[in-house]
Amino acid sequence: MEPKSVKHEENFCPNCGVQRELSAEFCPNCRSKLS
């Protein structure tokens, strides 16, 4: 397990371009399903 001080890796939603966590299943902005 990574230490909590390590920042979550982030990615951008391919649909709306909003930055979101890679572990997220849905985009927090447009709710599109993420791979």
PDB file of N, CA and C in Angstrom:
ATOM      1  N   MET A   1       0.834  -1.216   0.000  1.00  0.00           N
ATOM      2  CA  MET A   1       0.000   0.000   0.000  1.00  0.00           C
ATOM      3  C   MET A   1       0.861   1.257   0.000  1.00  0.00           C
ATOM      4  N   GLU A   2       0.426   2.254  -0.729  1.00  0.00           N
ATOM      5  CA  GLU A   2       1.187   3.498  -0.806  1.00  0.00           C
ATOM      6  C   GLU A   2       0.963   4.330   0.445  1.00  0.00           C
ATOM      7  N   PRO A   3       1.954   5.104   0.840  1.00  0.00           N
ATOM      8  CA  PRO A   3       1.761   6.028   1.960  1.00  0.00           C
ATOM      9  C   PRO A   3       0.700   7.067   1.615  1.00  0.00           C
ATOM     10  N   LYS A   4      -0.001   7.549   2.653  1.00  0.00           N
ATOM     11  CA  LYS A   4      -1.085   8.499   2.410  1.00  0.00           C
ATOM     12  C   LYS A   4      -0.582   9.828   1.855  1.00  0.00           C
ATOM     13  N   SER A   5       0.699  10.117   2.050  1.00  0.00           N
ATOM     14  CA  SER A   5       1.248  11.392   1.591  1.00  0.00           C
ATOM     15  C   SER A   5       1.385  11.433   0.068  1.00  0.00           C
ATOM     16  N   VAL A   6       1.335  10.258  -0.560  1.00  0.00           N
ATOM     17  CA  VAL A   6       1.456  10.214  -2.013  1.00  0.00           C
ATOM     18  C   VAL A   6       0.150  10.692  -2.647  1.00  0.00           C
ATOM     19  N   LYS A   7       0.283  11.643  -3.575  1.00  0.00           N
ATOM     20  CA  LYS A   7      -0.910  12.186  -4.227  1.00  0.00           C
ATOM     21  C   LYS A   7      -1.542  11.130  -5.130  1.00  0.00           C
ATOM     22  N   HIS A   8      -2.864  11.112  -5.137  1.00  0.00           N
ATOM     23  CA  HIS A   8      -3.570  10.191  -6.026  1.00  0.00           C
ATOM     24  C   HIS A   8      -3.217  10.507  -7.474  1.00  0.00           C
ATOM     25  N   GLU A   9      -3.013   9.475  -8.251  1.00  0.00           N
ATOM     26  CA  GLU A   9      -2.798   9.696  -9.679  1.00  0.00           C
ATOM     27  C   GLU A   9      -4.116  10.161 -10.269  1.00  0.00           C
ATOM     28  N   GLU A  10      -4.047  11.131 -11.154  1.00  0.00           N
ATOM     29  CA  GLU A  10      -5.282  11.632 -11.729  1.00  0.00           C
ATOM     30  C   GLU A  10      -5.261  11.541 -13.244  1.00  0.00           C
ATOM     31  N   ASN A  11      -6.415  11.574 -13.817  1.00  0.00           N
ATOM     32  CA  ASN A  11      -6.565  11.463 -15.254  1.00  0.00           C
ATOM     33  C   ASN A  11      -7.688  12.413 -15.661  1.00  0.00           C
ATOM     34  N   PHE A  12      -7.904  12.538 -16.961  1.00  0.00           N
ATOM     35  CA  PHE A  12      -8.956  13.432 -17.424  1.00  0.00           C
ATOM     36  C   PHE A  12     -10.065  12.639 -18.101  1.00  0.00           C
ATOM     37  N   CYS A  13     -11.290  13.051 -17.853  1.00  0.00           N
ATOM     38  CA  CYS A  13     -12.443  12.386 -18.461  1.00  0.00           C
ATOM     39  C   CYS A  13     -12.401  12.585 -19.973  1.00  0.00           C
ATOM     40  N   PRO A  14     -12.529  11.514 -20.761  1.00  0.00           N
ATOM     41  CA  PRO A  14     -12.483  11.641 -22.219  1.00  0.00           C
ATOM     42  C   PRO A  14     -13.710  12.347 -22.784  1.00  0.00           C
ATOM     43  N   ASN A  15     -14.759  12.433 -21.981  1.00  0.00           N
ATOM     44  CA  ASN A  15     -16.003  13.038 -22.459  1.00  0.00           C
ATOM     45  C   ASN A  15     -16.047  14.545 -22.226  1.00  0.00           C
ATOM     46  N   CYS A  16     -15.740  14.975 -20.995  1.00  0.00           N
ATOM     47  CA  CYS A  16     -15.881  16.402 -20.672  1.00  0.00           C
ATOM     48  C   CYS A  16     -14.559  17.070 -20.325  1.00  0.00           C
ATOM     49  N   GLY A  17     -13.498  16.273 -20.149  1.00  0.00           N
ATOM     50  CA  GLY A  17     -12.178  16.849 -19.919  1.00  0.00           C
ATOM     51  C   GLY A  17     -11.897  17.251 -18.480  1.00  0.00           C
ATOM     52  N   VAL A  18     -12.819  16.957 -17.569  1.00  0.00           N
ATOM     53  CA  VAL A  18     -12.616  17.292 -16.164  1.00  0.00           C
ATOM     54  C   VAL A  18     -11.619  16.327 -15.537  1.00  0.00           C
ATOM     55  N   GLN A  19     -10.748  16.842 -14.682  1.00  0.00           N
ATOM     56  CA  GLN A  19      -9.769  15.989 -14.018  1.00  0.00           C
ATOM     57  C   GLN A  19     -10.474  15.146 -12.955  1.00  0.00           C
ATOM     58  N   ARG A  20     -10.147  13.864 -12.930  1.00  0.00           N
ATOM     59  CA  ARG A  20     -10.743  12.957 -11.939  1.00  0.00           C
ATOM     60  C   ARG A  20      -9.718  11.907 -11.547  1.00  0.00           C
ATOM     61  N   GLU A  21      -9.985  11.204 -10.440  1.00  0.00           N
ATOM     62  CA  GLU A  21      -9.065  10.166  -9.990  1.00  0.00           C
ATOM     63  C   GLU A  21      -9.176   8.939 -10.890  1.00  0.00           C
ATOM     64  N   LEU A  22      -8.035   8.286 -11.103  1.00  0.00           N
ATOM     65  CA  LEU A  22      -8.006   7.096 -11.952  1.00  0.00           C
ATOM     66  C   LEU A  22      -8.852   5.968 -11.369  1.00  0.00           C
ATOM     67  N   SER A  23      -9.022   5.979 -10.048  1.00  0.00           N
ATOM     68  CA  SER A  23      -9.782   4.915  -9.399  1.00  0.00           C
ATOM     69  C   SER A  23     -11.285   5.143  -9.503  1.00  0.00           C
ATOM     70  N   ALA A  24     -11.679   6.348  -9.937  1.00  0.00           N
ATOM     71  CA  ALA A  24     -13.104   6.650 -10.032  1.00  0.00           C
ATOM     72  C   ALA A  24     -13.738   5.868 -11.181  1.00  0.00           C
ATOM     73  N   GLU A  25     -14.945   5.353 -10.936  1.00  0.00           N
ATOM     74  CA  GLU A  25     -15.629   4.580 -11.970  1.00  0.00           C
ATOM     75  C   GLU A  25     -16.434   5.498 -12.888  1.00  0.00           C
ATOM     76  N   PHE A  26     -16.924   6.608 -12.310  1.00  0.00           N
ATOM     77  CA  PHE A  26     -17.702   7.557 -13.091  1.00  0.00           C
ATOM     78  C   PHE A  26     -17.104   8.947 -12.955  1.00  0.00           C
ATOM     79  N   CYS A  27     -17.206   9.742 -14.003  1.00  0.00           N
ATOM     80  CA  CYS A  27     -16.724  11.122 -13.940  1.00  0.00           C
ATOM     81  C   CYS A  27     -17.597  11.916 -12.975  1.00  0.00           C
ATOM     82  N   PRO A  28     -17.003  12.683 -12.054  1.00  0.00           N
ATOM     83  CA  PRO A  28     -17.781  13.457 -11.077  1.00  0.00           C
ATOM     84  C   PRO A  28     -18.537  14.606 -11.729  1.00  0.00           C
ATOM     85  N   ASN A  29     -18.150  14.977 -12.937  1.00  0.00           N
ATOM     86  CA  ASN A  29     -18.794  16.111 -13.602  1.00  0.00           C
ATOM     87  C   ASN A  29     -19.923  15.681 -14.531  1.00  0.00           C
ATOM     88  N   CYS A  30     -19.614  14.793 -15.476  1.00  0.00           N
ATOM     89  CA  CYS A  30     -20.624  14.445 -16.487  1.00  0.00           C
ATOM     90  C   CYS A  30     -21.213  13.049 -16.277  1.00  0.00           C
ATOM     91  N   ARG A  31     -20.713  12.331 -15.261  1.00  0.00           N
ATOM     92  CA  ARG A  31     -21.245  11.007 -14.900  1.00  0.00           C
ATOM     93  C   ARG A  31     -21.045   9.937 -15.963  1.00  0.00           C
ATOM     94  N   SER A  32     -20.176  10.202 -16.921  1.00  0.00           N
ATOM     95  CA  SER A  32     -19.932   9.175 -17.930  1.00  0.00           C
ATOM     96  C   SER A  32     -19.093   8.055 -17.330  1.00  0.00           C
ATOM     97  N   LYS A  33     -19.310   6.855 -17.825  1.00  0.00           N
ATOM     98  CA  LYS A  33     -18.572   5.689 -17.334  1.00  0.00           C
ATOM     99  C   LYS A  33     -17.127   5.775 -17.804  1.00  0.00           C
ATOM    100  N   LEU A  34     -16.186   5.539 -16.878  1.00  0.00           N
ATOM    101  CA  LEU A  34     -14.768   5.629 -17.213  1.00  0.00           C
ATOM    102  C   LEU A  34     -14.138   4.249 -17.229  1.00  0.00           C
ATOM    103  N   SER A  35     -13.191   4.060 -18.134  1.00  0.00           N
ATOM    104  CA  SER A  35     -12.535   2.755 -18.231  1.00  0.00           C
ATOM    105  C   SER A  35     -11.469   2.615 -17.160  1.00  0.00           C
TER     106      SER A  35
END
